[in-house]
Amino acid sequence: MAEQMGNPKIRVPESAKKGEAIQVRALILHPMETGQRKDTKTGEKIPEHFIQQVSAEYNGKKVMEADWGVGVSKNPFLSFYIKPEESGTLKLTFTDNKGGSWSEEAKVQVS
């Protein structure tokens, strides 16, 4: 599972008009274990392993931050809107409770 975890994908429109709201869609592969489920072979509880924080920066300025918990589903999907005033780079970072951190960037061209 560790090889498949992370690898966030971001989708944004290739271009936008100045001040226009654009939708950001992101997906990350993560088990999002609650700590309540048992391993079917051993009967042992599977330890908690979930994304705790998601943050987005546009040209280095924080535009979104969210605290997540065990109630978020496996391989979570995230969608939100930003209003870029200039062309730039959107960076999205996911951090989990075991210290894992994954980032991805996407360019937005504003006209």
Foldseek 3Di string as FASTA:
>chain_A
DVVQFFPKDWDWDQEEAAQDKTKIKMWTADQLFQQPDADPPPRHGDHGKHWAKKWKDWQNHTDDIDGDHSVAHGGHMDMDIDRHRAKTKMKMWIAMPVGDIYIDIDTYHYD
